[in-house]
Amino acid sequence: MSLNPQKGMTLVEMLVSLVAGLVVVAGGISLFTSVIVSGNTTLMLSRLNQDVQAVTDIIARDIQRAGYHPSAAIDIANEVSPALSVARKYIFSTTADLYTAAGEAQPSCIRVKYWDPEPASGTGSVVRTYGYASSSKLLRVYTLYTEPDSAALTNADCTGGNQLVSSTEVVIDNLSFELVSGSTPTGVRAVNIRISASHASNPDLSISLERRVKVRNDGY
């Protein structure tokens, strides 16, 4: 009489199968986690890029307006003297409208003056100052709707106003302005904006942008 062969799995086979299953599951979890982390990183970098691009666009748009006044062309045609020309007050000055903080190599504060033909404030004159403080890593903007004067920027002018970056996820690591070669004390051809920023919760995620902006009115 023959014995029936043993059915089922031995303990060793069961343990081997269990270990193999755990390895497969662990691999799947690891892959899933990597996909999630990669997706979050891509999303954070995308948001960081959008915020920095938006800030750069705002500053660049104002620099392009610097020096604009509707009577500038008329003053030139009529050879109005500088002392009597209101339009000259709005011209971007490379000496007065840029400020370099102590210990910094490049200006981190810029003032733009222009006439807005369709002002929301009810007055056409706009004087806007963008100032960045490396110690606090804050970028601020201060706006006045009064006729500009010729006084040079000071540290107090560059540290007032409202924060330009409202997102707590974005840290502005550096901001500087560089005059393009060929500029003169009373006129500027263009300004280079250099800005770098990182993500607050992940400093390894960073972005740097540089943009050259042509100034609309470079003096006369």
N, C-alpha and C. Protein backbone atom coordinates (compact mmCIF):
# COMPACT_ATOMS: atom_id res chain seq x y z
N MET A 1 0.85 -1.19 0.00
CA MET A 1 0.00 0.00 0.00
C MET A 1 0.89 1.24 0.00
N SER A 2 0.67 2.13 -1.00
CA SER A 2 1.53 3.32 -1.12
C SER A 2 0.97 4.46 -0.29
N LEU A 3 1.91 5.28 0.20
CA LEU A 3 1.52 6.45 1.00
C LEU A 3 1.15 7.62 0.09
N ASN A 4 0.13 8.39 0.51
CA ASN A 4 -0.26 9.58 -0.27
C ASN A 4 0.84 10.64 -0.19
N PRO A 5 1.20 11.27 -1.33
CA PRO A 5 2.24 12.31 -1.28
C PRO A 5 1.74 13.51 -0.45
N GLN A 6 2.68 14.20 0.21
CA GLN A 6 2.35 15.34 1.06
C GLN A 6 1.86 16.51 0.20
N LYS A 7 0.76 17.14 0.59
CA LYS A 7 0.19 18.28 -0.13
C LYS A 7 0.44 19.59 0.65
N GLY A 8 0.48 20.71 -0.08
CA GLY A 8 0.69 22.00 0.56
C GLY A 8 2.15 22.42 0.55
N MET A 9 2.46 23.46 1.34
CA MET A 9 3.81 24.03 1.38
C MET A 9 4.47 23.73 2.71
N THR A 10 5.75 23.58 2.62
CA THR A 10 6.51 23.39 3.85
C THR A 10 6.72 24.74 4.51
N LEU A 11 7.18 24.73 5.73
CA LEU A 11 7.42 25.98 6.45
C LEU A 11 8.50 26.81 5.76
N VAL A 12 9.53 26.13 5.27
CA VAL A 12 10.61 26.85 4.58
C VAL A 12 10.10 27.52 3.32
N GLU A 13 9.30 26.80 2.55
CA GLU A 13 8.75 27.38 1.33
C GLU A 13 7.84 28.58 1.63
N MET A 14 7.07 28.47 2.71
CA MET A 14 6.19 29.56 3.10
C MET A 14 6.98 30.80 3.49
N LEU A 15 8.07 30.60 4.22
CA LEU A 15 8.90 31.73 4.64
C LEU A 15 9.57 32.38 3.45
N VAL A 16 10.05 31.55 2.51
CA VAL A 16 10.67 32.10 1.30
C VAL A 16 9.66 32.92 0.50
N SER A 17 8.46 32.41 0.36
CA SER A 17 7.42 33.13 -0.37
C SER A 17 7.05 34.43 0.32
N LEU A 18 6.99 34.38 1.66
CA LEU A 18 6.66 35.57 2.41
C LEU A 18 7.72 36.66 2.23
N VAL A 19 8.99 36.24 2.30
CA VAL A 19 10.08 37.20 2.13
C VAL A 19 10.06 37.79 0.72
N ALA A 20 9.84 36.94 -0.27
CA ALA A 20 9.79 37.43 -1.65
C ALA A 20 8.64 38.41 -1.84
N GLY A 21 7.50 38.13 -1.23
CA GLY A 21 6.36 39.04 -1.33
C GLY A 21 6.65 40.38 -0.68
N LEU A 22 7.32 40.33 0.48
CA LEU A 22 7.67 41.58 1.18
C LEU A 22 8.63 42.42 0.35
N VAL A 23 9.57 41.74 -0.33
CA VAL A 23 10.52 42.47 -1.18
C VAL A 23 9.79 43.18 -2.32
N VAL A 24 8.83 42.49 -2.93
CA VAL A 24 8.06 43.07 -4.02
C VAL A 24 7.24 44.26 -3.53
N VAL A 25 6.57 44.07 -2.38
CA VAL A 25 5.76 45.15 -1.81
C VAL A 25 6.63 46.36 -1.45
N ALA A 26 7.80 46.09 -0.84
CA ALA A 26 8.70 47.18 -0.47
C ALA A 26 9.17 47.95 -1.70
N GLY A 27 9.46 47.23 -2.77
CA GLY A 27 9.86 47.88 -4.01
C GLY A 27 8.75 48.75 -4.57
N GLY A 28 7.53 48.23 -4.50
CA GLY A 28 6.39 49.00 -4.99
C GLY A 28 6.17 50.26 -4.18
N ILE A 29 6.27 50.14 -2.86
CA ILE A 29 6.10 51.31 -1.98
C ILE A 29 7.20 52.33 -2.24
N SER A 30 8.43 51.84 -2.41
CA SER A 30 9.55 52.75 -2.67
C SER A 30 9.34 53.50 -3.98
N LEU A 31 8.89 52.79 -5.02
CA LEU A 31 8.64 53.43 -6.31
C LEU A 31 7.52 54.46 -6.20
N PHE A 32 6.47 54.09 -5.48
CA PHE A 32 5.33 55.00 -5.31
C PHE A 32 5.77 56.26 -4.55
N THR A 33 6.59 56.07 -3.50
CA THR A 33 7.07 57.21 -2.73
C THR A 33 7.95 58.12 -3.58
N SER A 34 8.80 57.51 -4.41
CA SER A 34 9.66 58.30 -5.28
C SER A 34 8.86 59.13 -6.27
N VAL A 35 7.80 58.54 -6.79
CA VAL A 35 6.94 59.27 -7.73
C VAL A 35 6.26 60.45 -7.04
N ILE A 36 5.79 60.22 -5.80
CA ILE A 36 5.12 61.28 -5.05
C ILE A 36 6.10 62.42 -4.76
N VAL A 37 7.30 62.05 -4.29
CA VAL A 37 8.31 63.06 -3.95
C VAL A 37 8.71 63.85 -5.19
N SER A 38 8.92 63.13 -6.30
CA SER A 38 9.30 63.79 -7.54
C SER A 38 8.21 64.74 -8.02
N GLY A 39 6.96 64.31 -7.88
CA GLY A 39 5.84 65.17 -8.28
C GLY A 39 5.76 66.42 -7.44
N ASN A 40 5.93 66.27 -6.11
CA ASN A 40 5.89 67.43 -5.22
C ASN A 40 7.05 68.39 -5.51
N THR A 41 8.23 67.83 -5.79
CA THR A 41 9.39 68.67 -6.09
C THR A 41 9.16 69.47 -7.36
N THR A 42 8.62 68.80 -8.38
CA THR A 42 8.33 69.48 -9.64
C THR A 42 7.30 70.59 -9.44
N LEU A 43 6.28 70.31 -8.62
CA LEU A 43 5.24 71.31 -8.36
C LEU A 43 5.82 72.51 -7.61
N MET A 44 6.65 72.26 -6.59
CA MET A 44 7.25 73.36 -5.83
C MET A 44 8.16 74.20 -6.71
N LEU A 45 8.94 73.54 -7.57
CA LEU A 45 9.84 74.28 -8.46
C LEU A 45 9.06 75.11 -9.47
N SER A 46 7.93 74.55 -9.93
CA SER A 46 7.10 75.27 -10.89
C SER A 46 6.48 76.52 -10.26
N ARG A 47 6.01 76.37 -9.02
CA ARG A 47 5.43 77.52 -8.32
C ARG A 47 6.49 78.57 -8.03
N LEU A 48 7.68 78.12 -7.66
CA LEU A 48 8.77 79.04 -7.39
C LEU A 48 9.12 79.83 -8.64
N ASN A 49 9.19 79.14 -9.76
CA ASN A 49 9.52 79.79 -11.03
C ASN A 49 8.44 80.81 -11.40
N GLN A 50 7.18 80.46 -11.21
CA GLN A 50 6.09 81.37 -11.54
C GLN A 50 6.14 82.62 -10.68
N ASP A 51 6.39 82.46 -9.37
CA ASP A 51 6.42 83.60 -8.47
C ASP A 51 7.58 84.54 -8.79
N VAL A 52 8.75 83.96 -9.06
CA VAL A 52 9.92 84.79 -9.38
C VAL A 52 9.74 85.49 -10.72
N GLN A 53 9.17 84.78 -11.69
CA GLN A 53 8.88 85.41 -12.98
C GLN A 53 7.91 86.58 -12.82
N ALA A 54 6.89 86.40 -11.96
CA ALA A 54 5.90 87.46 -11.75
C ALA A 54 6.54 88.69 -11.12
N VAL A 55 7.41 88.48 -10.12
CA VAL A 55 8.09 89.59 -9.47
C VAL A 55 8.99 90.33 -10.47
N THR A 56 9.72 89.57 -11.27
CA THR A 56 10.60 90.18 -12.27
C THR A 56 9.80 90.97 -13.29
N ASP A 57 8.65 90.45 -13.68
CA ASP A 57 7.80 91.15 -14.65
C ASP A 57 7.32 92.49 -14.10
N ILE A 58 6.95 92.51 -12.82
CA ILE A 58 6.47 93.75 -12.20
C ILE A 58 7.56 94.81 -12.19
N ILE A 59 8.76 94.42 -11.75
CA ILE A 59 9.86 95.37 -11.69
C ILE A 59 10.26 95.83 -13.09
N ALA A 60 10.34 94.89 -14.02
CA ALA A 60 10.75 95.22 -15.39
C ALA A 60 9.75 96.17 -16.05
N ARG A 61 8.47 95.96 -15.81
CA ARG A 61 7.46 96.83 -16.42
C ARG A 61 7.61 98.27 -15.94
N ASP A 62 7.92 98.45 -14.66
CA ASP A 62 8.10 99.80 -14.14
C ASP A 62 9.38 100.45 -14.66
N ILE A 63 10.45 99.66 -14.76
CA ILE A 63 11.70 100.22 -15.29
C ILE A 63 11.52 100.67 -16.74
N GLN A 64 10.74 99.94 -17.50
CA GLN A 64 10.47 100.34 -18.89
C GLN A 64 9.74 101.68 -18.97
N ARG A 65 8.96 101.98 -17.93
CA ARG A 65 8.22 103.25 -17.91
C ARG A 65 9.06 104.42 -17.41
N ALA A 66 10.17 104.12 -16.77
CA ALA A 66 10.96 105.17 -16.12
C ALA A 66 11.29 106.30 -17.08
N GLY A 67 11.06 107.52 -16.64
CA GLY A 67 11.39 108.69 -17.43
C GLY A 67 10.29 109.18 -18.34
N TYR A 68 9.20 108.41 -18.44
CA TYR A 68 8.14 108.82 -19.36
C TYR A 68 7.36 110.01 -18.81
N HIS A 69 7.16 111.00 -19.66
CA HIS A 69 6.28 112.14 -19.36
C HIS A 69 5.74 112.65 -20.68
N PRO A 70 4.45 112.97 -20.74
CA PRO A 70 3.86 113.36 -22.04
C PRO A 70 4.42 114.64 -22.64
N SER A 71 5.02 115.50 -21.83
CA SER A 71 5.53 116.75 -22.37
C SER A 71 7.01 116.68 -22.76
N ALA A 72 7.63 115.51 -22.62
CA ALA A 72 9.07 115.39 -22.90
C ALA A 72 9.40 115.76 -24.34
N ALA A 73 8.65 115.21 -25.30
CA ALA A 73 8.93 115.49 -26.72
C ALA A 73 8.72 116.97 -27.04
N ILE A 74 7.68 117.56 -26.43
CA ILE A 74 7.40 118.98 -26.68
C ILE A 74 8.53 119.85 -26.12
N ASP A 75 9.00 119.48 -24.92
CA ASP A 75 10.10 120.24 -24.32
C ASP A 75 11.35 120.19 -25.19
N ILE A 76 11.62 119.02 -25.78
CA ILE A 76 12.78 118.87 -26.65
C ILE A 76 12.62 119.74 -27.90
N ALA A 77 11.42 119.66 -28.49
CA ALA A 77 11.18 120.43 -29.73
C ALA A 77 11.26 121.93 -29.49
N ASN A 78 10.77 122.36 -28.32
CA ASN A 78 10.76 123.79 -28.02
C ASN A 78 12.03 124.25 -27.30
N GLU A 79 12.96 123.30 -27.10
CA GLU A 79 14.23 123.60 -26.43
C GLU A 79 14.01 124.28 -25.08
N VAL A 80 13.09 123.70 -24.31
CA VAL A 80 12.81 124.22 -22.97
C VAL A 80 14.03 123.97 -22.09
N SER A 81 14.43 124.95 -21.33
CA SER A 81 15.61 124.80 -20.48
C SER A 81 15.37 123.75 -19.39
N PRO A 82 16.42 123.04 -18.97
CA PRO A 82 16.28 122.01 -17.94
C PRO A 82 15.63 122.54 -16.66
N ALA A 83 15.89 123.80 -16.32
CA ALA A 83 15.36 124.35 -15.08
C ALA A 83 13.84 124.51 -15.14
N LEU A 84 13.29 124.67 -16.34
CA LEU A 84 11.85 124.90 -16.49
C LEU A 84 11.09 123.65 -16.94
N SER A 85 11.78 122.60 -17.29
CA SER A 85 11.14 121.39 -17.81
C SER A 85 10.69 120.47 -16.68
N VAL A 86 9.38 120.26 -16.60
CA VAL A 86 8.84 119.32 -15.61
C VAL A 86 9.20 117.88 -15.98
N ALA A 87 9.24 117.61 -17.27
CA ALA A 87 9.51 116.25 -17.74
C ALA A 87 10.88 115.74 -17.29
N ARG A 88 11.84 116.64 -17.15
CA ARG A 88 13.19 116.22 -16.77
C ARG A 88 13.22 115.61 -15.36
N LYS A 89 12.26 115.98 -14.54
CA LYS A 89 12.22 115.45 -13.18
C LYS A 89 11.96 113.94 -13.16
N TYR A 90 11.42 113.43 -14.26
CA TYR A 90 11.05 112.01 -14.32
C TYR A 90 12.15 111.14 -14.94
N ILE A 91 13.18 111.76 -15.46
CA ILE A 91 14.25 111.00 -16.10
C ILE A 91 14.99 110.15 -15.07
N PHE A 92 15.26 108.93 -15.43
CA PHE A 92 15.98 108.02 -14.53
C PHE A 92 17.43 108.48 -14.38
N SER A 93 17.86 108.67 -13.15
CA SER A 93 19.23 109.09 -12.87
C SER A 93 20.04 107.90 -12.38
N THR A 94 21.16 107.66 -13.03
CA THR A 94 22.00 106.52 -12.64
C THR A 94 22.71 106.76 -11.31
N THR A 95 22.74 107.99 -10.86
CA THR A 95 23.41 108.29 -9.59
C THR A 95 22.42 108.45 -8.44
N ALA A 96 21.24 109.03 -8.72
CA ALA A 96 20.28 109.30 -7.65
C ALA A 96 19.25 108.20 -7.46
N ASP A 97 18.94 107.45 -8.52
CA ASP A 97 17.83 106.49 -8.47
C ASP A 97 18.28 105.05 -8.25
N LEU A 98 19.53 104.86 -7.92
CA LEU A 98 20.04 103.55 -7.54
C LEU A 98 20.74 103.68 -6.18
N TYR A 99 20.58 102.67 -5.34
CA TYR A 99 21.21 102.72 -4.01
C TYR A 99 21.90 101.39 -3.74
N THR A 100 23.14 101.48 -3.31
CA THR A 100 23.92 100.29 -2.95
C THR A 100 24.10 100.26 -1.44
N ALA A 101 23.59 99.22 -0.81
CA ALA A 101 23.69 99.10 0.64
C ALA A 101 25.13 98.84 1.06
N ALA A 102 25.44 99.16 2.29
CA ALA A 102 26.78 98.95 2.82
C ALA A 102 27.16 97.48 2.73
N GLY A 103 28.35 97.22 2.19
CA GLY A 103 28.84 95.85 2.07
C GLY A 103 28.39 95.13 0.81
N GLU A 104 27.55 95.77 0.01
CA GLU A 104 27.06 95.16 -1.23
C GLU A 104 27.86 95.66 -2.42
N ALA A 105 28.03 94.78 -3.41
CA ALA A 105 28.81 95.13 -4.60
C ALA A 105 27.96 95.81 -5.66
N GLN A 106 26.67 95.48 -5.71
CA GLN A 106 25.77 96.03 -6.71
C GLN A 106 24.58 96.70 -6.05
N PRO A 107 23.96 97.67 -6.71
CA PRO A 107 22.75 98.30 -6.16
C PRO A 107 21.64 97.26 -5.96
N SER A 108 20.96 97.36 -4.83
CA SER A 108 19.85 96.46 -4.53
C SER A 108 18.54 97.22 -4.38
N CYS A 109 18.58 98.50 -4.73
CA CYS A 109 17.40 99.35 -4.61
C CYS A 109 17.32 100.25 -5.84
N ILE A 110 16.13 100.39 -6.39
CA ILE A 110 15.95 101.20 -7.59
C ILE A 110 14.67 102.01 -7.47
N ARG A 111 14.72 103.23 -8.00
CA ARG A 111 13.54 104.11 -8.00
C ARG A 111 13.19 104.46 -9.44
N VAL A 112 11.93 104.33 -9.76
CA VAL A 112 11.46 104.68 -11.10
C VAL A 112 10.40 105.78 -10.98
N LYS A 113 10.46 106.73 -11.90
CA LYS A 113 9.54 107.86 -11.89
C LYS A 113 8.93 107.98 -13.28
N TYR A 114 7.63 108.03 -13.35
CA TYR A 114 6.99 108.16 -14.66
C TYR A 114 5.59 108.75 -14.50
N TRP A 115 5.04 109.16 -15.62
CA TRP A 115 3.69 109.71 -15.65
C TRP A 115 2.75 108.65 -16.20
N ASP A 116 1.70 108.37 -15.43
CA ASP A 116 0.71 107.36 -15.84
C ASP A 116 -0.49 108.08 -16.45
N PRO A 117 -0.74 107.87 -17.74
CA PRO A 117 -1.86 108.57 -18.39
C PRO A 117 -3.23 108.10 -17.91
N GLU A 118 -3.31 106.91 -17.33
CA GLU A 118 -4.58 106.40 -16.81
C GLU A 118 -4.38 105.90 -15.38
N PRO A 119 -4.13 106.81 -14.45
CA PRO A 119 -3.80 106.41 -13.09
C PRO A 119 -5.00 105.92 -12.29
N ALA A 120 -4.77 104.88 -11.50
CA ALA A 120 -5.82 104.39 -10.61
C ALA A 120 -5.94 105.27 -9.37
N SER A 121 -4.87 106.00 -9.08
CA SER A 121 -4.84 106.83 -7.88
C SER A 121 -5.52 108.17 -8.05
N GLY A 122 -5.81 108.54 -9.28
CA GLY A 122 -6.42 109.83 -9.55
C GLY A 122 -5.41 110.90 -9.90
N THR A 123 -4.14 110.59 -9.83
CA THR A 123 -3.09 111.53 -10.22
C THR A 123 -2.10 110.82 -11.11
N GLY A 124 -1.49 111.55 -12.04
CA GLY A 124 -0.64 110.90 -13.03
C GLY A 124 0.76 110.56 -12.57
N SER A 125 1.29 111.31 -11.61
CA SER A 125 2.67 111.11 -11.19
C SER A 125 2.83 109.84 -10.35
N VAL A 126 3.83 109.03 -10.71
CA VAL A 126 4.11 107.80 -9.97
C VAL A 126 5.60 107.74 -9.66
N VAL A 127 5.93 107.57 -8.38
CA VAL A 127 7.31 107.38 -7.95
C VAL A 127 7.34 106.08 -7.16
N ARG A 128 8.00 105.07 -7.70
CA ARG A 128 7.98 103.74 -7.07
C ARG A 128 9.41 103.28 -6.80
N THR A 129 9.62 102.80 -5.56
CA THR A 129 10.94 102.35 -5.13
C THR A 129 10.89 100.88 -4.76
N TYR A 130 11.77 100.10 -5.38
CA TYR A 130 11.92 98.68 -5.05
C TYR A 130 13.22 98.51 -4.27
N GLY A 131 13.12 97.99 -3.06
CA GLY A 131 14.31 97.82 -2.23
C GLY A 131 14.41 96.42 -1.66
N TYR A 132 15.61 95.86 -1.72
CA TYR A 132 15.84 94.51 -1.19
C TYR A 132 16.88 94.57 -0.08
N ALA A 133 16.57 93.92 1.04
CA ALA A 133 17.50 93.86 2.18
C ALA A 133 18.02 92.43 2.31
N SER A 134 19.31 92.25 2.13
CA SER A 134 19.90 90.90 2.19
C SER A 134 19.85 90.33 3.60
N SER A 135 19.86 91.20 4.62
CA SER A 135 19.85 90.72 6.00
C SER A 135 18.53 90.04 6.36
N SER A 136 17.44 90.60 5.88
CA SER A 136 16.11 90.03 6.17
C SER A 136 15.54 89.24 4.99
N LYS A 137 16.18 89.36 3.83
CA LYS A 137 15.73 88.72 2.60
C LYS A 137 14.31 89.13 2.23
N LEU A 138 14.03 90.42 2.44
CA LEU A 138 12.72 90.96 2.11
C LEU A 138 12.83 91.92 0.94
N LEU A 139 11.90 91.80 0.02
CA LEU A 139 11.80 92.70 -1.12
C LEU A 139 10.56 93.56 -0.92
N ARG A 140 10.76 94.87 -0.87
CA ARG A 140 9.66 95.79 -0.59
C ARG A 140 9.47 96.78 -1.73
N VAL A 141 8.26 97.29 -1.83
CA VAL A 141 7.95 98.31 -2.82
C VAL A 141 7.20 99.44 -2.12
N TYR A 142 7.62 100.66 -2.45
CA TYR A 142 7.02 101.84 -1.83
C TYR A 142 6.61 102.79 -2.95
N THR A 143 5.35 103.23 -2.93
CA THR A 143 4.82 104.04 -4.02
C THR A 143 4.33 105.39 -3.51
N LEU A 144 4.72 106.43 -4.24
CA LEU A 144 4.23 107.78 -3.98
C LEU A 144 3.56 108.32 -5.24
N TYR A 145 2.55 109.13 -5.07
CA TYR A 145 1.86 109.74 -6.20
C TYR A 145 2.04 111.25 -6.16
N THR A 146 3.26 111.66 -5.98
CA THR A 146 3.61 113.08 -5.95
C THR A 146 4.71 113.35 -6.97
N GLU A 147 4.86 114.61 -7.33
CA GLU A 147 5.89 114.97 -8.30
C GLU A 147 7.27 114.64 -7.72
N PRO A 148 8.13 113.99 -8.47
CA PRO A 148 9.44 113.58 -7.95
C PRO A 148 10.39 114.74 -7.75
N ASP A 149 11.34 114.54 -6.85
CA ASP A 149 12.40 115.53 -6.68
C ASP A 149 13.73 114.88 -7.07
N SER A 150 14.81 115.61 -6.94
CA SER A 150 16.11 115.13 -7.39
C SER A 150 16.96 114.53 -6.27
N ALA A 151 16.37 114.41 -5.07
CA ALA A 151 17.14 113.88 -3.94
C ALA A 151 17.55 112.43 -4.20
N ALA A 152 18.77 112.09 -3.81
CA ALA A 152 19.27 110.72 -4.01
C ALA A 152 18.62 109.75 -3.03
N LEU A 153 18.51 108.52 -3.43
CA LEU A 153 17.94 107.48 -2.58
C LEU A 153 18.78 107.29 -1.32
N THR A 154 18.09 106.96 -0.23
CA THR A 154 18.77 106.65 1.03
C THR A 154 18.33 105.27 1.49
N ASN A 155 18.97 104.77 2.54
CA ASN A 155 18.61 103.47 3.08
C ASN A 155 17.16 103.46 3.57
N ALA A 156 16.71 104.59 4.14
CA ALA A 156 15.33 104.68 4.63
C ALA A 156 14.33 104.56 3.48
N ASP A 157 14.67 105.11 2.33
CA ASP A 157 13.78 105.01 1.16
C ASP A 157 13.63 103.56 0.70
N CYS A 158 14.68 102.78 0.89
CA CYS A 158 14.73 101.43 0.33
C CYS A 158 14.22 100.35 1.28
N THR A 159 13.93 100.71 2.52
CA THR A 159 13.49 99.71 3.49
C THR A 159 12.04 99.88 3.90
N GLY A 160 11.34 100.84 3.30
CA GLY A 160 9.94 101.05 3.63
C GLY A 160 9.02 100.40 2.62
N GLY A 161 7.73 100.53 2.86
CA GLY A 161 6.76 100.01 1.92
C GLY A 161 6.26 98.62 2.26
N ASN A 162 5.60 98.00 1.31
CA ASN A 162 4.99 96.68 1.49
C ASN A 162 5.83 95.59 0.85
N GLN A 163 5.71 94.40 1.39
CA GLN A 163 6.43 93.25 0.81
C GLN A 163 5.86 92.96 -0.57
N LEU A 164 6.75 92.77 -1.52
CA LEU A 164 6.33 92.49 -2.88
C LEU A 164 5.98 91.02 -3.06
N VAL A 165 6.65 90.14 -2.30
CA VAL A 165 6.40 88.70 -2.38
C VAL A 165 5.54 88.30 -1.21
N SER A 166 4.30 87.96 -1.47
CA SER A 166 3.37 87.61 -0.39
C SER A 166 3.45 86.13 0.00
N SER A 167 3.94 85.30 -0.90
CA SER A 167 4.01 83.86 -0.63
C SER A 167 5.08 83.56 0.42
N THR A 168 4.70 82.78 1.43
CA THR A 168 5.65 82.39 2.47
C THR A 168 6.57 81.28 1.99
N GLU A 169 6.29 80.71 0.84
CA GLU A 169 7.10 79.62 0.32
C GLU A 169 8.32 80.13 -0.44
N VAL A 170 8.32 81.40 -0.81
CA VAL A 170 9.39 81.96 -1.64
C VAL A 170 10.32 82.82 -0.79
N VAL A 171 11.62 82.53 -0.89
CA VAL A 171 12.64 83.32 -0.20
C VAL A 171 13.51 83.98 -1.27
N ILE A 172 13.56 85.30 -1.28
CA ILE A 172 14.41 86.02 -2.23
C ILE A 172 15.82 86.04 -1.65
N ASP A 173 16.73 85.33 -2.30
CA ASP A 173 18.10 85.21 -1.80
C ASP A 173 19.00 86.35 -2.26
N ASN A 174 18.66 86.95 -3.40
CA ASN A 174 19.49 88.05 -3.89
C ASN A 174 18.73 88.83 -4.96
N LEU A 175 18.95 90.14 -4.97
CA LEU A 175 18.40 90.99 -6.00
C LEU A 175 19.38 92.13 -6.24
N SER A 176 19.72 92.36 -7.49
CA SER A 176 20.64 93.44 -7.80
C SER A 176 20.31 94.02 -9.17
N PHE A 177 20.74 95.26 -9.37
CA PHE A 177 20.52 95.97 -10.63
C PHE A 177 21.87 96.43 -11.16
N GLU A 178 22.07 96.21 -12.44
CA GLU A 178 23.34 96.57 -13.07
C GLU A 178 23.07 97.42 -14.31
N LEU A 179 23.75 98.56 -14.39
CA LEU A 179 23.61 99.42 -15.55
C LEU A 179 24.34 98.83 -16.74
N VAL A 180 23.72 98.89 -17.89
CA VAL A 180 24.34 98.41 -19.12
C VAL A 180 25.42 99.40 -19.54
N SER A 181 26.51 98.89 -20.04
CA SER A 181 27.63 99.73 -20.47
C SER A 181 27.16 100.78 -21.48
N GLY A 182 27.60 102.01 -21.27
CA GLY A 182 27.20 103.10 -22.15
C GLY A 182 26.26 104.08 -21.50
N SER A 183 25.80 103.77 -20.27
CA SER A 183 24.91 104.67 -19.57
C SER A 183 25.67 105.90 -19.08
N THR A 184 24.96 106.99 -18.92
CA THR A 184 25.54 108.24 -18.44
C THR A 184 24.81 108.67 -17.17
N PRO A 185 25.35 109.63 -16.42
CA PRO A 185 24.69 110.06 -15.18
C PRO A 185 23.25 110.52 -15.36
N THR A 186 22.93 111.12 -16.51
CA THR A 186 21.57 111.63 -16.71
C THR A 186 20.74 110.74 -17.63
N GLY A 187 21.28 109.68 -18.12
CA GLY A 187 20.53 108.81 -19.00
C GLY A 187 21.04 107.38 -18.93
N VAL A 188 20.16 106.43 -19.09
CA VAL A 188 20.54 105.03 -19.02
C VAL A 188 19.91 104.29 -20.19
N ARG A 189 20.69 103.49 -20.85
CA ARG A 189 20.18 102.74 -21.99
C ARG A 189 19.34 101.54 -21.54
N ALA A 190 19.85 100.80 -20.58
CA ALA A 190 19.14 99.62 -20.11
C ALA A 190 19.67 99.22 -18.74
N VAL A 191 18.89 98.41 -18.05
CA VAL A 191 19.24 97.92 -16.72
C VAL A 191 19.10 96.40 -16.71
N ASN A 192 20.10 95.74 -16.15
CA ASN A 192 20.02 94.29 -15.96
C ASN A 192 19.47 93.99 -14.57
N ILE A 193 18.42 93.17 -14.53
CA ILE A 193 17.85 92.72 -13.25
C ILE A 193 18.35 91.31 -13.00
N ARG A 194 18.96 91.11 -11.83
CA ARG A 194 19.40 89.77 -11.44
C ARG A 194 18.70 89.39 -10.14
N ILE A 195 18.00 88.28 -10.17
CA ILE A 195 17.26 87.85 -8.99
C ILE A 195 17.41 86.35 -8.81
N SER A 196 17.59 85.92 -7.57
CA SER A 196 17.64 84.50 -7.25
C SER A 196 16.76 84.25 -6.04
N ALA A 197 16.13 83.08 -6.02
CA ALA A 197 15.21 82.75 -4.94
C ALA A 197 15.23 81.25 -4.70
N SER A 198 14.75 80.85 -3.53
CA SER A 198 14.69 79.44 -3.18
C SER A 198 13.37 79.16 -2.46
N HIS A 199 13.07 77.86 -2.32
CA HIS A 199 11.84 77.46 -1.63
C HIS A 199 12.10 77.44 -0.13
N ALA A 200 11.17 77.99 0.65
CA ALA A 200 11.36 78.12 2.09
C ALA A 200 11.55 76.78 2.79
N SER A 201 10.80 75.77 2.39
CA SER A 201 10.88 74.47 3.04
C SER A 201 11.91 73.54 2.42
N ASN A 202 12.44 73.92 1.25
CA ASN A 202 13.44 73.11 0.58
C ASN A 202 14.43 74.03 -0.12
N PRO A 203 15.43 74.55 0.61
CA PRO A 203 16.38 75.51 0.05
C PRO A 203 17.17 74.99 -1.15
N ASP A 204 17.22 73.67 -1.31
CA ASP A 204 17.94 73.12 -2.46
C ASP A 204 17.22 73.44 -3.77
N LEU A 205 15.94 73.72 -3.68
CA LEU A 205 15.19 74.12 -4.86
C LEU A 205 15.36 75.63 -5.04
N SER A 206 16.08 76.03 -6.05
CA SER A 206 16.36 77.44 -6.26
C SER A 206 16.29 77.77 -7.74
N ILE A 207 16.17 79.06 -8.00
CA ILE A 207 16.09 79.54 -9.38
C ILE A 207 16.75 80.90 -9.46
N SER A 208 17.40 81.17 -10.59
CA SER A 208 18.04 82.46 -10.82
C SER A 208 17.61 82.98 -12.18
N LEU A 209 17.27 84.27 -12.22
CA LEU A 209 16.84 84.89 -13.46
C LEU A 209 17.64 86.17 -13.71
N GLU A 210 17.85 86.47 -14.95
CA GLU A 210 18.48 87.74 -15.34
C GLU A 210 17.73 88.29 -16.53
N ARG A 211 17.38 89.57 -16.44
CA ARG A 211 16.63 90.19 -17.54
C ARG A 211 17.16 91.59 -17.81
N ARG A 212 17.35 91.89 -19.08
CA ARG A 212 17.78 93.22 -19.49
C ARG A 212 16.55 94.03 -19.91
N VAL A 213 16.41 95.20 -19.31
CA VAL A 213 15.24 96.03 -19.55
C VAL A 213 15.66 97.36 -20.15
N LYS A 214 15.10 97.70 -21.28
CA LYS A 214 15.37 98.99 -21.93
C LYS A 214 14.56 100.08 -21.25
N VAL A 215 15.22 101.16 -20.87
CA VAL A 215 14.53 102.29 -20.28
C VAL A 215 13.93 103.14 -21.40
N ARG A 216 12.68 103.46 -21.26
CA ARG A 216 11.95 104.15 -22.34
C ARG A 216 12.54 105.52 -22.65
N ASN A 217 12.79 106.31 -21.62
CA ASN A 217 13.28 107.67 -21.83
C ASN A 217 14.68 107.77 -21.21
N ASP A 218 15.71 107.86 -22.03
CA ASP A 218 17.08 107.84 -21.51
C ASP A 218 17.71 109.24 -21.49
N GLY A 219 16.90 110.23 -21.34
CA GLY A 219 17.43 111.57 -21.15
C GLY A 219 17.46 112.38 -22.43
N TYR A 220 17.61 113.66 -22.27
CA TYR A 220 17.71 114.54 -23.44
C TYR A 220 18.45 115.80 -23.06
